[in-house]
C-alpha atoms as a PDB file:
ATOM      1  CA  MET A   1     116.452 -64.404 116.395  1.00  0.00           C
ATOM      2  CA  ALA A   2     119.918 -64.953 114.973  1.00  0.00           C
ATOM      3  CA  LEU A   3     122.352 -62.050 114.767  1.00  0.00           C
ATOM      4  CA  THR A   4     123.700 -60.916 111.441  1.00  0.00           C
ATOM      5  CA  ARG A   5     127.447 -60.874 110.936  1.00  0.00           C
ATOM      6  CA  THR A   6     127.541 -57.080 111.315  1.00  0.00           C
ATOM      7  CA  ASP A   7     125.424 -57.111 114.489  1.00  0.00           C
ATOM      8  CA  ARG A   8     127.696 -59.759 115.993  1.00  0.00           C
ATOM      9  CA  ARG A   9     130.807 -57.699 115.191  1.00  0.00           C
ATOM     10  CA  ILE A  10     129.276 -54.559 116.700  1.00  0.00           C
ATOM     11  CA  ARG A  11     128.368 -56.466 119.865  1.00  0.00           C
ATOM     12  CA  ILE A  12     131.974 -57.705 120.163  1.00  0.00           C
ATOM     13  CA  LYS A  13     133.263 -54.188 119.411  1.00  0.00           C
ATOM     14  CA  ARG A  14     131.213 -52.699 122.255  1.00  0.00           C
ATOM     15  CA  ARG A  15     132.464 -55.374 124.631  1.00  0.00           C
ATOM     16  CA  ILE A  16     136.083 -54.601 123.678  1.00  0.00           C
ATOM     17  CA  ARG A  17     135.623 -50.816 123.905  1.00  0.00           C
ATOM     18  CA  LYS A  18     134.360 -51.102 127.505  1.00  0.00           C
ATOM     19  CA  THR A  19     137.890 -51.970 128.565  1.00  0.00           C
ATOM     20  CA  ILE A  20     140.074 -50.307 125.889  1.00  0.00           C
ATOM     21  CA  SER A  21     140.528 -46.558 125.857  1.00  0.00           C
ATOM     22  CA  GLY A  22     143.230 -44.400 124.345  1.00  0.00           C
ATOM     23  CA  THR A  23     145.019 -41.731 126.358  1.00  0.00           C
ATOM     24  CA  ALA A  24     147.427 -38.994 125.341  1.00  0.00           C
ATOM     25  CA  ASN A  25     150.371 -41.181 126.446  1.00  0.00           C
ATOM     26  CA  ARG A  26     149.056 -44.363 124.879  1.00  0.00           C
ATOM     27  CA  PRO A  27     146.411 -43.711 122.197  1.00  0.00           C
ATOM     28  CA  ARG A  28     144.192 -46.325 120.580  1.00  0.00           C
ATOM     29  CA  LEU A  29     145.039 -47.764 117.142  1.00  0.00           C
ATOM     30  CA  ALA A  30     141.580 -48.396 115.667  1.00  0.00           C
ATOM     31  CA  VAL A  31     141.103 -50.530 112.554  1.00  0.00           C
ATOM     32  CA  PHE A  32     138.187 -50.402 110.110  1.00  0.00           C
ATOM     33  CA  ARG A  33     137.939 -53.007 107.408  1.00  0.00           C
ATOM     34  CA  SER A  34     135.537 -52.659 104.498  1.00  0.00           C
ATOM     35  CA  ASN A  35     135.110 -55.234 101.752  1.00  0.00           C
ATOM     36  CA  LYS A  36     137.502 -53.330  99.506  1.00  0.00           C
ATOM     37  CA  ASP A  37     139.779 -51.185 101.696  1.00  0.00           C
ATOM     38  CA  ILE A  38     141.270 -51.003 105.188  1.00  0.00           C
ATOM     39  CA  TYR A  39     141.772 -47.944 107.373  1.00  0.00           C
ATOM     40  CA  ALA A  40     143.627 -47.265 110.613  1.00  0.00           C
ATOM     41  CA  GLN A  41     143.623 -44.280 112.921  1.00  0.00           C
ATOM     42  CA  VAL A  42     145.382 -43.370 116.145  1.00  0.00           C
ATOM     43  CA  VAL A  43     142.867 -41.840 118.550  1.00  0.00           C
ATOM     44  CA  ASP A  44     143.222 -40.040 121.885  1.00  0.00           C
ATOM     45  CA  ASP A  45     139.844 -40.841 123.484  1.00  0.00           C
ATOM     46  CA  VAL A  46     140.357 -38.594 126.523  1.00  0.00           C
ATOM     47  CA  ASN A  47     140.618 -35.442 124.409  1.00  0.00           C
ATOM     48  CA  GLY A  48     138.522 -36.792 121.527  1.00  0.00           C
ATOM     49  CA  LYS A  49     141.215 -36.215 118.904  1.00  0.00           C
ATOM     50  CA  THR A  50     142.512 -38.264 116.004  1.00  0.00           C
ATOM     51  CA  LEU A  51     146.292 -37.977 116.072  1.00  0.00           C
ATOM     52  CA  ALA A  52     147.045 -39.884 112.857  1.00  0.00           C
ATOM     53  CA  SER A  53     145.115 -41.746 110.195  1.00  0.00           C
ATOM     54  CA  TYR A  54     145.859 -43.723 107.066  1.00  0.00           C
ATOM     55  CA  GLY A  55     143.946 -45.934 104.669  1.00  0.00           C
ATOM     56  CA  SER A  56     144.470 -48.029 101.597  1.00  0.00           C
ATOM     57  CA  LEU A  57     142.793 -45.295  99.535  1.00  0.00           C
ATOM     58  CA  ASN A  58     145.826 -43.058 100.186  1.00  0.00           C
ATOM     59  CA  VAL A  59     148.276 -45.323  98.334  1.00  0.00           C
ATOM     60  CA  LYS A  60     148.219 -45.370  94.537  1.00  0.00           C
ATOM     61  CA  GLU A  61     150.835 -48.160  94.183  1.00  0.00           C
ATOM     62  CA  LEU A  62     148.529 -50.796  95.725  1.00  0.00           C
ATOM     63  CA  LYS A  63     146.964 -51.751  92.380  1.00  0.00           C
ATOM     64  CA  GLY A  64     147.411 -55.454  91.717  1.00  0.00           C
ATOM     65  CA  GLN A  65     148.282 -56.382  95.305  1.00  0.00           C
ATOM     66  CA  THR A  66     146.154 -58.626  97.469  1.00  0.00           C
ATOM     67  CA  LYS A  67     144.104 -57.053 100.246  1.00  0.00           C
ATOM     68  CA  THR A  68     146.393 -58.612 102.860  1.00  0.00           C
ATOM     69  CA  GLU A  69     149.443 -57.028 101.210  1.00  0.00           C
ATOM     70  CA  GLN A  70     147.595 -53.705 101.103  1.00  0.00           C
ATOM     71  CA  ALA A  71     146.849 -54.017 104.835  1.00  0.00           C
ATOM     72  CA  ALA A  72     150.556 -54.566 105.540  1.00  0.00           C
ATOM     73  CA  VAL A  73     151.435 -51.387 103.615  1.00  0.00           C
ATOM     74  CA  VAL A  74     148.792 -49.447 105.561  1.00  0.00           C
ATOM     75  CA  GLY A  75     150.245 -50.816 108.821  1.00  0.00           C
ATOM     76  CA  LYS A  76     153.741 -49.615 107.930  1.00  0.00           C
ATOM     77  CA  MET A  77     152.431 -46.204 106.854  1.00  0.00           C
ATOM     78  CA  ILE A  78     150.270 -45.679 109.978  1.00  0.00           C
ATOM     79  CA  ALA A  79     153.364 -46.450 112.072  1.00  0.00           C
ATOM     80  CA  ASP A  80     155.332 -43.787 110.162  1.00  0.00           C
ATOM     81  CA  VAL A  81     152.547 -41.204 110.429  1.00  0.00           C
ATOM     82  CA  ALA A  82     152.043 -41.956 114.147  1.00  0.00           C
ATOM     83  CA  LYS A  83     155.760 -41.687 114.888  1.00  0.00           C
ATOM     84  CA  SER A  84     155.904 -38.320 113.116  1.00  0.00           C
ATOM     85  CA  ALA A  85     152.987 -37.237 115.349  1.00  0.00           C
ATOM     86  CA  GLY A  86     155.044 -38.240 118.398  1.00  0.00           C
ATOM     87  CA  VAL A  87     153.325 -41.538 119.213  1.00  0.00           C
ATOM     88  CA  GLU A  88     155.525 -44.492 120.213  1.00  0.00           C
ATOM     89  CA  SER A  89     153.139 -46.818 122.055  1.00  0.00           C
ATOM     90  CA  VAL A  90     149.474 -47.610 121.307  1.00  0.00           C
ATOM     91  CA  VAL A  91     146.604 -49.848 122.418  1.00  0.00           C
ATOM     92  CA  PHE A  92     145.370 -52.034 119.552  1.00  0.00           C
ATOM     93  CA  ASP A  93     141.612 -51.960 118.870  1.00  0.00           C
ATOM     94  CA  ARG A  94     140.589 -54.608 116.341  1.00  0.00           C
ATOM     95  CA  SER A  95     136.981 -53.272 116.341  1.00  0.00           C
ATOM     96  CA  GLY A  96     135.384 -56.688 116.691  1.00  0.00           C
ATOM     97  CA  TYR A  97     137.184 -58.200 113.720  1.00  0.00           C
ATOM     98  CA  LEU A  98     139.030 -61.470 114.229  1.00  0.00           C
ATOM     99  CA  TYR A  99     142.789 -61.087 114.688  1.00  0.00           C
ATOM    100  CA  HIS A 100     143.409 -62.878 111.431  1.00  0.00           C
ATOM    101  CA  GLY A 101     144.183 -62.069 107.817  1.00  0.00           C
ATOM    102  CA  ARG A 102     144.118 -58.359 107.007  1.00  0.00           C
ATOM    103  CA  VAL A 103     143.810 -57.173 110.610  1.00  0.00           C
ATOM    104  CA  LYS A 104     146.769 -59.332 111.667  1.00  0.00           C
ATOM    105  CA  ALA A 105     148.846 -58.161 108.681  1.00  0.00           C
ATOM    106  CA  LEU A 106     148.182 -54.516 109.563  1.00  0.00           C
ATOM    107  CA  ALA A 107     149.081 -55.066 113.231  1.00  0.00           C
ATOM    108  CA  GLU A 108     152.314 -56.933 112.496  1.00  0.00           C
ATOM    109  CA  ALA A 109     153.406 -54.323 109.932  1.00  0.00           C
ATOM    110  CA  ALA A 110     152.708 -51.539 112.449  1.00  0.00           C
ATOM    111  CA  ARG A 111     154.879 -53.376 114.982  1.00  0.00           C
ATOM    112  CA  GLU A 112     157.646 -53.702 112.401  1.00  0.00           C
ATOM    113  CA  GLY A 113     157.255 -49.993 111.678  1.00  0.00           C
ATOM    114  CA  GLY A 114     158.131 -49.221 115.290  1.00  0.00           C
ATOM    115  CA  LEU A 115     154.827 -48.958 117.185  1.00  0.00           C
ATOM    116  CA  LYS A 116     154.727 -50.791 120.512  1.00  0.00           C
ATOM    117  CA  PHE A 117     151.590 -52.658 121.545  1.00  0.00           C
END
């Protein structure tokens, strides 16, 4: 039986999460991409806490921009929010999505914003 696109992504996500884990020193930058929006959160997996989060729903000025441009804005903003929470370095978790398009734009903008990964 062939896997659906979602089942395939979840299988890849589980495989990635076996090796990636966020600590207090170096939390995990997790990305979720829906058809319409994109979200990012900085998670300390050891203590089970979300240190910072941001999504494209939070920004009103994104009307009329492409989804890739919106992802870049979210990347810059998650970097700002994470830095204000005291986070300098993270582990990037693409959640099974290809490192391409919106996910890549978010990651590169977060790097430009000052996060190290």
